[in-house]
C-alpha atoms as a PDB file:
ATOM      1  CA  UNK A   1     -55.664 -14.371  11.673  1.00  0.00           C
ATOM      2  CA  UNK A   2     -53.405 -17.394  11.981  1.00  0.00           C
ATOM      3  CA  UNK A   3     -52.648 -17.729   8.234  1.00  0.00           C
ATOM      4  CA  UNK A   4     -51.839 -14.004   8.120  1.00  0.00           C
ATOM      5  CA  UNK A   5     -49.414 -14.330  11.036  1.00  0.00           C
ATOM      6  CA  UNK A   6     -47.755 -17.294   9.363  1.00  0.00           C
ATOM      7  CA  UNK A   7     -47.279 -15.276   6.170  1.00  0.00           C
ATOM      8  CA  UNK A   8     -45.791 -12.331   8.071  1.00  0.00           C
ATOM      9  CA  UNK A   9     -43.439 -14.600  10.022  1.00  0.00           C
ATOM     10  CA  UNK A  10     -42.366 -16.329   6.821  1.00  0.00           C
ATOM     11  CA  UNK A  11     -41.690 -13.002   5.123  1.00  0.00           C
ATOM     12  CA  UNK A  12     -39.565 -11.842   8.054  1.00  0.00           C
ATOM     13  CA  UNK A  13     -37.516 -15.055   7.983  1.00  0.00           C
ATOM     14  CA  UNK A  14     -36.909 -14.695   4.242  1.00  0.00           C
ATOM     15  CA  UNK A  15     -35.978 -11.026   4.638  1.00  0.00           C
ATOM     16  CA  UNK A  16     -33.524 -11.796   7.444  1.00  0.00           C
ATOM     17  CA  UNK A  17     -31.934 -14.634   5.457  1.00  0.00           C
ATOM     18  CA  UNK A  18     -31.538 -12.379   2.414  1.00  0.00           C
ATOM     19  CA  UNK A  19     -29.901  -9.683   4.553  1.00  0.00           C
ATOM     20  CA  UNK A  20     -27.464 -12.210   5.987  1.00  0.00           C
ATOM     21  CA  UNK A  21     -26.518 -13.382   2.508  1.00  0.00           C
ATOM     22  CA  UNK A  22     -25.662  -9.829   1.420  1.00  0.00           C
ATOM     23  CA  UNK A  23     -23.461  -9.180   4.447  1.00  0.00           C
ATOM     24  CA  UNK A  24     -19.931 -10.291   3.660  1.00  0.00           C
ATOM     25  CA  UNK A  25     -16.318  -9.192   3.958  1.00  0.00           C
ATOM     26  CA  UNK A  26     -15.398  -5.624   3.094  1.00  0.00           C
ATOM     27  CA  UNK A  27     -13.045  -5.238   0.136  1.00  0.00           C
ATOM     28  CA  UNK A  28     -10.658  -2.287   0.301  1.00  0.00           C
ATOM     29  CA  UNK A  29      -8.578  -1.124  -2.670  1.00  0.00           C
ATOM     30  CA  UNK A  30      -5.206   0.084  -1.389  1.00  0.00           C
ATOM     31  CA  UNK A  31      -3.843   1.279  -4.744  1.00  0.00           C
ATOM     32  CA  UNK A  32      -4.024   4.655  -6.447  1.00  0.00           C
ATOM     33  CA  UNK A  33      -5.299   4.870 -10.007  1.00  0.00           C
ATOM     34  CA  UNK A  34      -2.682   5.480 -12.706  1.00  0.00           C
ATOM     35  CA  UNK A  35      -3.296   8.704 -14.633  1.00  0.00           C
ATOM     36  CA  UNK A  36      -1.760  12.122 -15.297  1.00  0.00           C
ATOM     37  CA  UNK A  37      -1.687  12.812 -11.538  1.00  0.00           C
ATOM     38  CA  UNK A  38       0.369   9.732 -10.616  1.00  0.00           C
ATOM     39  CA  UNK A  39       3.348  10.619  -8.441  1.00  0.00           C
ATOM     40  CA  UNK A  40       6.871   9.403  -9.308  1.00  0.00           C
ATOM     41  CA  UNK A  41      10.211  10.022  -7.540  1.00  0.00           C
ATOM     42  CA  UNK A  42      10.949  12.815 -10.029  1.00  0.00           C
ATOM     43  CA  UNK A  43       8.478  15.698 -10.491  1.00  0.00           C
ATOM     44  CA  UNK A  44       9.080  15.599 -14.245  1.00  0.00           C
ATOM     45  CA  UNK A  45       8.144  11.919 -14.639  1.00  0.00           C
ATOM     46  CA  UNK A  46       4.591  11.017 -15.561  1.00  0.00           C
ATOM     47  CA  UNK A  47       2.240   8.288 -16.686  1.00  0.00           C
ATOM     48  CA  UNK A  48       1.463   8.473 -20.397  1.00  0.00           C
ATOM     49  CA  UNK A  49      -1.531   6.757 -21.991  1.00  0.00           C
ATOM     50  CA  UNK A  50      -2.150   6.935 -25.733  1.00  0.00           C
ATOM     51  CA  UNK A  51      -5.679   5.937 -26.683  1.00  0.00           C
ATOM     52  CA  UNK A  52      -6.426   4.762 -30.227  1.00  0.00           C
ATOM     53  CA  UNK A  53      -9.644   3.863 -32.017  1.00  0.00           C
ATOM     54  CA  UNK A  54      -9.961   1.466 -34.930  1.00  0.00           C
ATOM     55  CA  UNK A  55     -12.663  -0.196 -36.972  1.00  0.00           C
ATOM     56  CA  UNK A  56     -12.509  -3.648 -38.535  1.00  0.00           C
ATOM     57  CA  UNK A  57     -13.576  -4.327 -42.094  1.00  0.00           C
ATOM     58  CA  UNK A  58     -16.811  -5.672 -40.645  1.00  0.00           C
ATOM     59  CA  UNK A  59     -17.557  -2.358 -38.986  1.00  0.00           C
ATOM     60  CA  UNK A  60     -16.692  -3.348 -35.422  1.00  0.00           C
ATOM     61  CA  UNK A  61     -15.210  -0.382 -33.545  1.00  0.00           C
ATOM     62  CA  UNK A  62     -12.722  -0.938 -30.734  1.00  0.00           C
ATOM     63  CA  UNK A  63     -10.318   0.970 -28.521  1.00  0.00           C
ATOM     64  CA  UNK A  64      -6.740   0.080 -27.662  1.00  0.00           C
ATOM     65  CA  UNK A  65      -4.050   1.823 -25.675  1.00  0.00           C
ATOM     66  CA  UNK A  66      -0.305   2.132 -25.318  1.00  0.00           C
ATOM     67  CA  UNK A  67       1.154   3.313 -22.038  1.00  0.00           C
ATOM     68  CA  UNK A  68       4.584   4.436 -20.891  1.00  0.00           C
ATOM     69  CA  UNK A  69       5.616   4.674 -17.246  1.00  0.00           C
ATOM     70  CA  UNK A  70       8.420   4.070 -14.791  1.00  0.00           C
ATOM     71  CA  UNK A  71       8.094   0.985 -12.600  1.00  0.00           C
ATOM     72  CA  UNK A  72       8.561   3.230  -9.554  1.00  0.00           C
ATOM     73  CA  UNK A  73       5.413   5.325  -9.553  1.00  0.00           C
ATOM     74  CA  UNK A  74       2.001   5.309  -7.956  1.00  0.00           C
ATOM     75  CA  UNK A  75       1.355   2.388  -5.648  1.00  0.00           C
ATOM     76  CA  UNK A  76       4.267   0.053  -6.328  1.00  0.00           C
ATOM     77  CA  UNK A  77       6.388  -2.748  -4.930  1.00  0.00           C
ATOM     78  CA  UNK A  78      10.151  -2.719  -4.387  1.00  0.00           C
ATOM     79  CA  UNK A  79      11.970  -6.043  -4.304  1.00  0.00           C
ATOM     80  CA  UNK A  80      15.509  -6.915  -3.130  1.00  0.00           C
ATOM     81  CA  UNK A  81      16.778  -6.529  -6.699  1.00  0.00           C
ATOM     82  CA  UNK A  82      15.966  -2.830  -6.528  1.00  0.00           C
ATOM     83  CA  UNK A  83      19.083  -2.328  -4.393  1.00  0.00           C
ATOM     84  CA  UNK A  84      20.989  -5.610  -4.780  1.00  0.00           C
ATOM     85  CA  UNK A  85      21.947  -7.170  -8.103  1.00  0.00           C
ATOM     86  CA  UNK A  86      20.978 -10.811  -8.529  1.00  0.00           C
ATOM     87  CA  UNK A  87      18.500 -10.879  -5.636  1.00  0.00           C
ATOM     88  CA  UNK A  88      14.751 -11.516  -5.849  1.00  0.00           C
ATOM     89  CA  UNK A  89      13.008  -9.622  -8.617  1.00  0.00           C
ATOM     90  CA  UNK A  90       9.264  -9.057  -8.953  1.00  0.00           C
ATOM     91  CA  UNK A  91       8.746 -12.488 -10.514  1.00  0.00           C
ATOM     92  CA  UNK A  92      10.861 -14.271  -7.889  1.00  0.00           C
ATOM     93  CA  UNK A  93       8.771 -13.426  -4.822  1.00  0.00           C
ATOM     94  CA  UNK A  94       6.987 -16.613  -3.675  1.00  0.00           C
ATOM     95  CA  UNK A  95       3.219 -16.362  -4.080  1.00  0.00           C
ATOM     96  CA  UNK A  96       2.603 -17.293  -0.449  1.00  0.00           C
ATOM     97  CA  UNK A  97       4.335 -14.042   0.533  1.00  0.00           C
ATOM     98  CA  UNK A  98       1.889 -12.002  -1.533  1.00  0.00           C
ATOM     99  CA  UNK A  99      -1.197 -13.263   0.321  1.00  0.00           C
ATOM    100  CA  UNK A 100      -0.819 -12.688   4.042  1.00  0.00           C
ATOM    101  CA  UNK A 101      -2.405 -11.264   7.198  1.00  0.00           C
ATOM    102  CA  UNK A 102      -2.350  -7.488   7.448  1.00  0.00           C
ATOM    103  CA  UNK A 103      -1.289  -5.473  10.506  1.00  0.00           C
ATOM    104  CA  UNK A 104      -1.684  -1.681  10.598  1.00  0.00           C
ATOM    105  CA  UNK A 105       0.334   0.523  12.945  1.00  0.00           C
ATOM    106  CA  UNK A 106      -0.942   4.114  13.055  1.00  0.00           C
ATOM    107  CA  UNK A 107       1.641   6.828  13.750  1.00  0.00           C
ATOM    108  CA  UNK A 108      -0.358   9.685  12.201  1.00  0.00           C
ATOM    109  CA  UNK A 109      -0.625  11.576  15.486  1.00  0.00           C
ATOM    110  CA  UNK A 110       3.187  11.718  15.735  1.00  0.00           C
ATOM    111  CA  UNK A 111       3.502  12.827  12.107  1.00  0.00           C
ATOM    112  CA  UNK A 112       1.162  15.759  12.757  1.00  0.00           C
ATOM    113  CA  UNK A 113       3.747  17.066  15.225  1.00  0.00           C
ATOM    114  CA  UNK A 114       6.824  16.055  13.228  1.00  0.00           C
ATOM    115  CA  UNK A 115       6.616  15.472   9.478  1.00  0.00           C
ATOM    116  CA  UNK A 116       9.937  13.603   9.565  1.00  0.00           C
ATOM    117  CA  UNK A 117       8.759  11.202  12.265  1.00  0.00           C
ATOM    118  CA  UNK A 118      10.034   7.621  11.972  1.00  0.00           C
ATOM    119  CA  UNK A 119       8.403   4.444  13.240  1.00  0.00           C
ATOM    120  CA  UNK A 120      10.395   3.266  16.275  1.00  0.00           C
ATOM    121  CA  UNK A 121      10.629  -0.091  18.006  1.00  0.00           C
ATOM    122  CA  UNK A 122       8.632   1.443  20.853  1.00  0.00           C
ATOM    123  CA  UNK A 123       5.736   2.130  18.449  1.00  0.00           C
ATOM    124  CA  UNK A 124       5.619  -1.547  17.488  1.00  0.00           C
ATOM    125  CA  UNK A 125       5.841  -2.718  21.098  1.00  0.00           C
ATOM    126  CA  UNK A 126       3.084  -0.306  22.123  1.00  0.00           C
ATOM    127  CA  UNK A 127       0.915  -1.715  19.322  1.00  0.00           C
ATOM    128  CA  UNK A 128       1.654  -5.269  20.478  1.00  0.00           C
ATOM    129  CA  UNK A 129       0.651  -4.394  24.042  1.00  0.00           C
ATOM    130  CA  UNK A 130      -2.839  -3.720  22.675  1.00  0.00           C
ATOM    131  CA  UNK A 131      -3.222  -6.166  19.796  1.00  0.00           C
ATOM    132  CA  UNK A 132      -0.787  -8.956  20.584  1.00  0.00           C
ATOM    133  CA  UNK A 133       2.343  -9.997  18.757  1.00  0.00           C
ATOM    134  CA  UNK A 134       2.580  -9.224  15.048  1.00  0.00           C
ATOM    135  CA  UNK A 135       1.127 -12.177  13.101  1.00  0.00           C
ATOM    136  CA  UNK A 136       3.671 -14.608  11.684  1.00  0.00           C
ATOM    137  CA  UNK A 137       4.277 -13.926   8.009  1.00  0.00           C
ATOM    138  CA  UNK A 138       2.265 -10.721   7.996  1.00  0.00           C
ATOM    139  CA  UNK A 139       2.379  -7.619   5.840  1.00  0.00           C
ATOM    140  CA  UNK A 140       3.021  -4.674   8.143  1.00  0.00           C
ATOM    141  CA  UNK A 141       1.391  -1.428   7.037  1.00  0.00           C
ATOM    142  CA  UNK A 142       2.429   1.894   8.543  1.00  0.00           C
ATOM    143  CA  UNK A 143      -0.272   4.541   8.450  1.00  0.00           C
ATOM    144  CA  UNK A 144       1.208   8.031   8.658  1.00  0.00           C
ATOM    145  CA  UNK A 145      -1.703  10.058   7.295  1.00  0.00           C
ATOM    146  CA  UNK A 146       0.644  11.386   4.606  1.00  0.00           C
ATOM    147  CA  UNK A 147      -1.787  10.339   1.873  1.00  0.00           C
ATOM    148  CA  UNK A 148      -3.648  13.604   2.534  1.00  0.00           C
ATOM    149  CA  UNK A 149      -1.075  15.296   0.282  1.00  0.00           C
ATOM    150  CA  UNK A 150      -1.711  13.048  -2.730  1.00  0.00           C
ATOM    151  CA  UNK A 151      -1.572  13.921  -5.662  1.00  0.00           C
ATOM    152  CA  UNK A 152       0.545  17.067  -5.105  1.00  0.00           C
ATOM    153  CA  UNK A 153       4.136  16.016  -5.834  1.00  0.00           C
ATOM    154  CA  UNK A 154       5.685  18.885  -3.889  1.00  0.00           C
ATOM    155  CA  UNK A 155       3.498  18.529  -0.803  1.00  0.00           C
ATOM    156  CA  UNK A 156       3.772  14.715  -0.865  1.00  0.00           C
ATOM    157  CA  UNK A 157       7.559  14.992  -0.858  1.00  0.00           C
ATOM    158  CA  UNK A 158       7.465  17.697   1.815  1.00  0.00           C
ATOM    159  CA  UNK A 159       8.904  20.306  -0.516  1.00  0.00           C
ATOM    160  CA  UNK A 160       6.503  23.089   0.427  1.00  0.00           C
ATOM    161  CA  UNK A 161       6.339  24.746   3.828  1.00  0.00           C
ATOM    162  CA  UNK A 162       3.583  26.802   5.405  1.00  0.00           C
ATOM    163  CA  UNK A 163       4.566  29.953   3.523  1.00  0.00           C
ATOM    164  CA  UNK A 164       4.261  28.172   0.146  1.00  0.00           C
ATOM    165  CA  UNK A 165       8.008  28.361  -0.512  1.00  0.00           C
ATOM    166  CA  UNK A 166       9.701  25.259  -1.856  1.00  0.00           C
ATOM    167  CA  UNK A 167      12.237  23.477   0.301  1.00  0.00           C
ATOM    168  CA  UNK A 168      15.343  21.884  -1.187  1.00  0.00           C
ATOM    169  CA  UNK A 169      15.163  18.832   1.087  1.00  0.00           C
ATOM    170  CA  UNK A 170      12.416  16.200   1.049  1.00  0.00           C
ATOM    171  CA  UNK A 171      10.373  15.819   4.217  1.00  0.00           C
ATOM    172  CA  UNK A 172       8.067  12.904   4.929  1.00  0.00           C
ATOM    173  CA  UNK A 173       7.714  10.131   7.541  1.00  0.00           C
ATOM    174  CA  UNK A 174       9.231   6.662   7.377  1.00  0.00           C
ATOM    175  CA  UNK A 175      10.812   3.862   9.444  1.00  0.00           C
ATOM    176  CA  UNK A 176      13.818   4.118  11.712  1.00  0.00           C
ATOM    177  CA  UNK A 177      16.634   1.713  10.686  1.00  0.00           C
ATOM    178  CA  UNK A 178      16.615   0.321  14.235  1.00  0.00           C
ATOM    179  CA  UNK A 179      12.957  -0.632  13.802  1.00  0.00           C
ATOM    180  CA  UNK A 180      13.767  -2.300  10.479  1.00  0.00           C
ATOM    181  CA  UNK A 181      16.599  -4.294  12.080  1.00  0.00           C
ATOM    182  CA  UNK A 182      14.319  -5.303  14.949  1.00  0.00           C
ATOM    183  CA  UNK A 183      11.591  -6.496  12.564  1.00  0.00           C
ATOM    184  CA  UNK A 184      14.137  -8.634  10.710  1.00  0.00           C
ATOM    185  CA  UNK A 185      15.613 -10.216  13.837  1.00  0.00           C
ATOM    186  CA  UNK A 186      12.629 -10.404  16.205  1.00  0.00           C
ATOM    187  CA  UNK A 187       9.568 -10.854  13.988  1.00  0.00           C
ATOM    188  CA  UNK A 188       8.654 -12.610  10.753  1.00  0.00           C
ATOM    189  CA  UNK A 189       7.125 -10.225   8.235  1.00  0.00           C
ATOM    190  CA  UNK A 190       6.853 -10.722   4.482  1.00  0.00           C
ATOM    191  CA  UNK A 191       6.393  -7.103   3.465  1.00  0.00           C
ATOM    192  CA  UNK A 192       6.241  -3.585   4.854  1.00  0.00           C
ATOM    193  CA  UNK A 193       4.041  -0.902   3.327  1.00  0.00           C
ATOM    194  CA  UNK A 194       3.531   2.797   3.952  1.00  0.00           C
ATOM    195  CA  UNK A 195       1.309   5.641   2.739  1.00  0.00           C
ATOM    196  CA  UNK A 196       4.361   7.767   1.889  1.00  0.00           C
ATOM    197  CA  UNK A 197       7.001   7.975  -0.896  1.00  0.00           C
ATOM    198  CA  UNK A 198       9.545   5.715   0.828  1.00  0.00           C
ATOM    199  CA  UNK A 199      10.119   3.506   3.842  1.00  0.00           C
ATOM    200  CA  UNK A 200      12.959   5.868   4.733  1.00  0.00           C
ATOM    201  CA  UNK A 201      12.069   9.324   5.991  1.00  0.00           C
ATOM    202  CA  UNK A 202      12.636  12.313   3.734  1.00  0.00           C
ATOM    203  CA  UNK A 203      16.056  13.526   4.995  1.00  0.00           C
ATOM    204  CA  UNK A 204      17.582  10.026   4.716  1.00  0.00           C
ATOM    205  CA  UNK A 205      20.698   9.828   2.565  1.00  0.00           C
ATOM    206  CA  UNK A 206      21.371   6.086   2.628  1.00  0.00           C
ATOM    207  CA  UNK A 207      17.989   4.285   2.291  1.00  0.00           C
ATOM    208  CA  UNK A 208      18.932   2.599   5.567  1.00  0.00           C
ATOM    209  CA  UNK A 209      15.604   1.094   6.636  1.00  0.00           C
ATOM    210  CA  UNK A 210      14.641   0.043   3.136  1.00  0.00           C
ATOM    211  CA  UNK A 211      18.029  -1.587   2.509  1.00  0.00           C
ATOM    212  CA  UNK A 212      17.842  -3.541   5.781  1.00  0.00           C
ATOM    213  CA  UNK A 213      14.414  -4.943   4.923  1.00  0.00           C
ATOM    214  CA  UNK A 214      15.143  -5.724   1.271  1.00  0.00           C
ATOM    215  CA  UNK A 215      18.385  -7.482   2.258  1.00  0.00           C
ATOM    216  CA  UNK A 216      16.226  -9.821   4.358  1.00  0.00           C
ATOM    217  CA  UNK A 217      13.851 -10.507   1.419  1.00  0.00           C
ATOM    218  CA  UNK A 218      11.146  -8.287   2.930  1.00  0.00           C
ATOM    219  CA  UNK A 219       9.573  -6.330   0.086  1.00  0.00           C
ATOM    220  CA  UNK A 220       8.351  -2.735   0.278  1.00  0.00           C
ATOM    221  CA  UNK A 221       4.936  -1.372  -0.706  1.00  0.00           C
ATOM    222  CA  UNK A 222       5.011   2.372  -1.318  1.00  0.00           C
ATOM    223  CA  UNK A 223       2.288   4.982  -1.802  1.00  0.00           C
ATOM    224  CA  UNK A 224      -0.335   2.703  -0.275  1.00  0.00           C
ATOM    225  CA  UNK A 225      -3.836   4.224  -0.284  1.00  0.00           C
ATOM    226  CA  UNK A 226      -6.864   4.038   2.037  1.00  0.00           C
ATOM    227  CA  UNK A 227      -5.093   2.681   5.109  1.00  0.00           C
ATOM    228  CA  UNK A 228      -7.602   4.549   7.271  1.00  0.00           C
ATOM    229  CA  UNK A 229     -10.216   1.987   6.177  1.00  0.00           C
ATOM    230  CA  UNK A 230      -8.347  -0.993   7.654  1.00  0.00           C
ATOM    231  CA  UNK A 231      -8.499  -2.361  11.189  1.00  0.00           C
ATOM    232  CA  UNK A 232      -5.311  -2.750  13.188  1.00  0.00           C
ATOM    233  CA  UNK A 233      -5.566  -6.547  12.859  1.00  0.00           C
ATOM    234  CA  UNK A 234      -7.788  -9.087  11.144  1.00  0.00           C
ATOM    235  CA  UNK A 235      -7.474  -8.178   7.475  1.00  0.00           C
ATOM    236  CA  UNK A 236      -6.041 -10.375   4.726  1.00  0.00           C
ATOM    237  CA  UNK A 237      -3.799  -8.766   2.123  1.00  0.00           C
ATOM    238  CA  UNK A 238      -3.577  -9.679  -1.552  1.00  0.00           C
ATOM    239  CA  UNK A 239      -0.632  -8.116  -3.395  1.00  0.00           C
ATOM    240  CA  UNK A 240      -0.739  -8.280  -7.206  1.00  0.00           C
ATOM    241  CA  UNK A 241       2.379  -6.752  -8.816  1.00  0.00           C
ATOM    242  CA  UNK A 242       2.657  -6.386 -12.574  1.00  0.00           C
ATOM    243  CA  UNK A 243       4.616  -9.496 -13.579  1.00  0.00           C
ATOM    244  CA  UNK A 244       7.686  -7.910 -15.177  1.00  0.00           C
ATOM    245  CA  UNK A 245      10.596 -10.315 -15.556  1.00  0.00           C
ATOM    246  CA  UNK A 246      13.853  -9.233 -13.863  1.00  0.00           C
ATOM    247  CA  UNK A 247      12.345  -5.957 -12.599  1.00  0.00           C
ATOM    248  CA  UNK A 248      13.275  -4.642  -9.173  1.00  0.00           C
ATOM    249  CA  UNK A 249      10.035  -2.672  -8.946  1.00  0.00           C
ATOM    250  CA  UNK A 250       6.558  -2.776 -10.460  1.00  0.00           C
ATOM    251  CA  UNK A 251       3.141  -1.152 -10.235  1.00  0.00           C
ATOM    252  CA  UNK A 252       0.968  -3.120  -7.825  1.00  0.00           C
ATOM    253  CA  UNK A 253      -2.723  -3.602  -7.093  1.00  0.00           C
ATOM    254  CA  UNK A 254      -3.272  -4.250  -3.403  1.00  0.00           C
ATOM    255  CA  UNK A 255      -6.553  -5.611  -2.096  1.00  0.00           C
ATOM    256  CA  UNK A 256      -7.452  -5.996   1.567  1.00  0.00           C
ATOM    257  CA  UNK A 257     -10.263  -8.264   2.710  1.00  0.00           C
ATOM    258  CA  UNK A 258     -11.751  -7.141   6.018  1.00  0.00           C
ATOM    259  CA  UNK A 259     -14.134  -9.587   7.764  1.00  0.00           C
END
């Protein structure tokens, strides 16, 4: 019996070790795919992909593509140059600002009651009462739950009410300019992202919150996906914008590593 017990014990040890090796950090993709459903600021804009097939003289078949798109569609980054000439463009952002701790503030419950709800200083302070001060040099992500309307352009921009009639004004959540000013003066964040079309709420006429943050070299991440899969704290963000020289905006692939 003893040899049999030894074999069973050994098998259990090996099985447990193998299980431990397969358990690792969770990788979360926070970007939407680019295709015909990609949302842009204008309802008439779209992502165009032309697919071509060729064959070499040796009979090798291959596929290649040409694409055409605005830099401001899908999941994308806005840099200071978007609103201010001569400021940081996509290629000017220091790499150490594109890899940073993530912090997620969830205001979805407020947005359910008010689609034009804006993140306030009190929301941040309430979050800090639970999770501690925002990490130094973090990327702040605001979860509004607005991603439920993707990929309908009209619903995502709040242009359709309950009776299915289009509204002339955009409606969606964002940040209050006071909160943006407070983040600049009281905390050190590298970027602010949101699962909505803009950091400013729909009725905004002056891009107030976004301008305040960009003026302080804090970039914006718009149309961020899958924020419901992230913890409030503890994740590490990797932001990979398309490296377009002199551009104020660019498509971006965002990866979150969750321990």
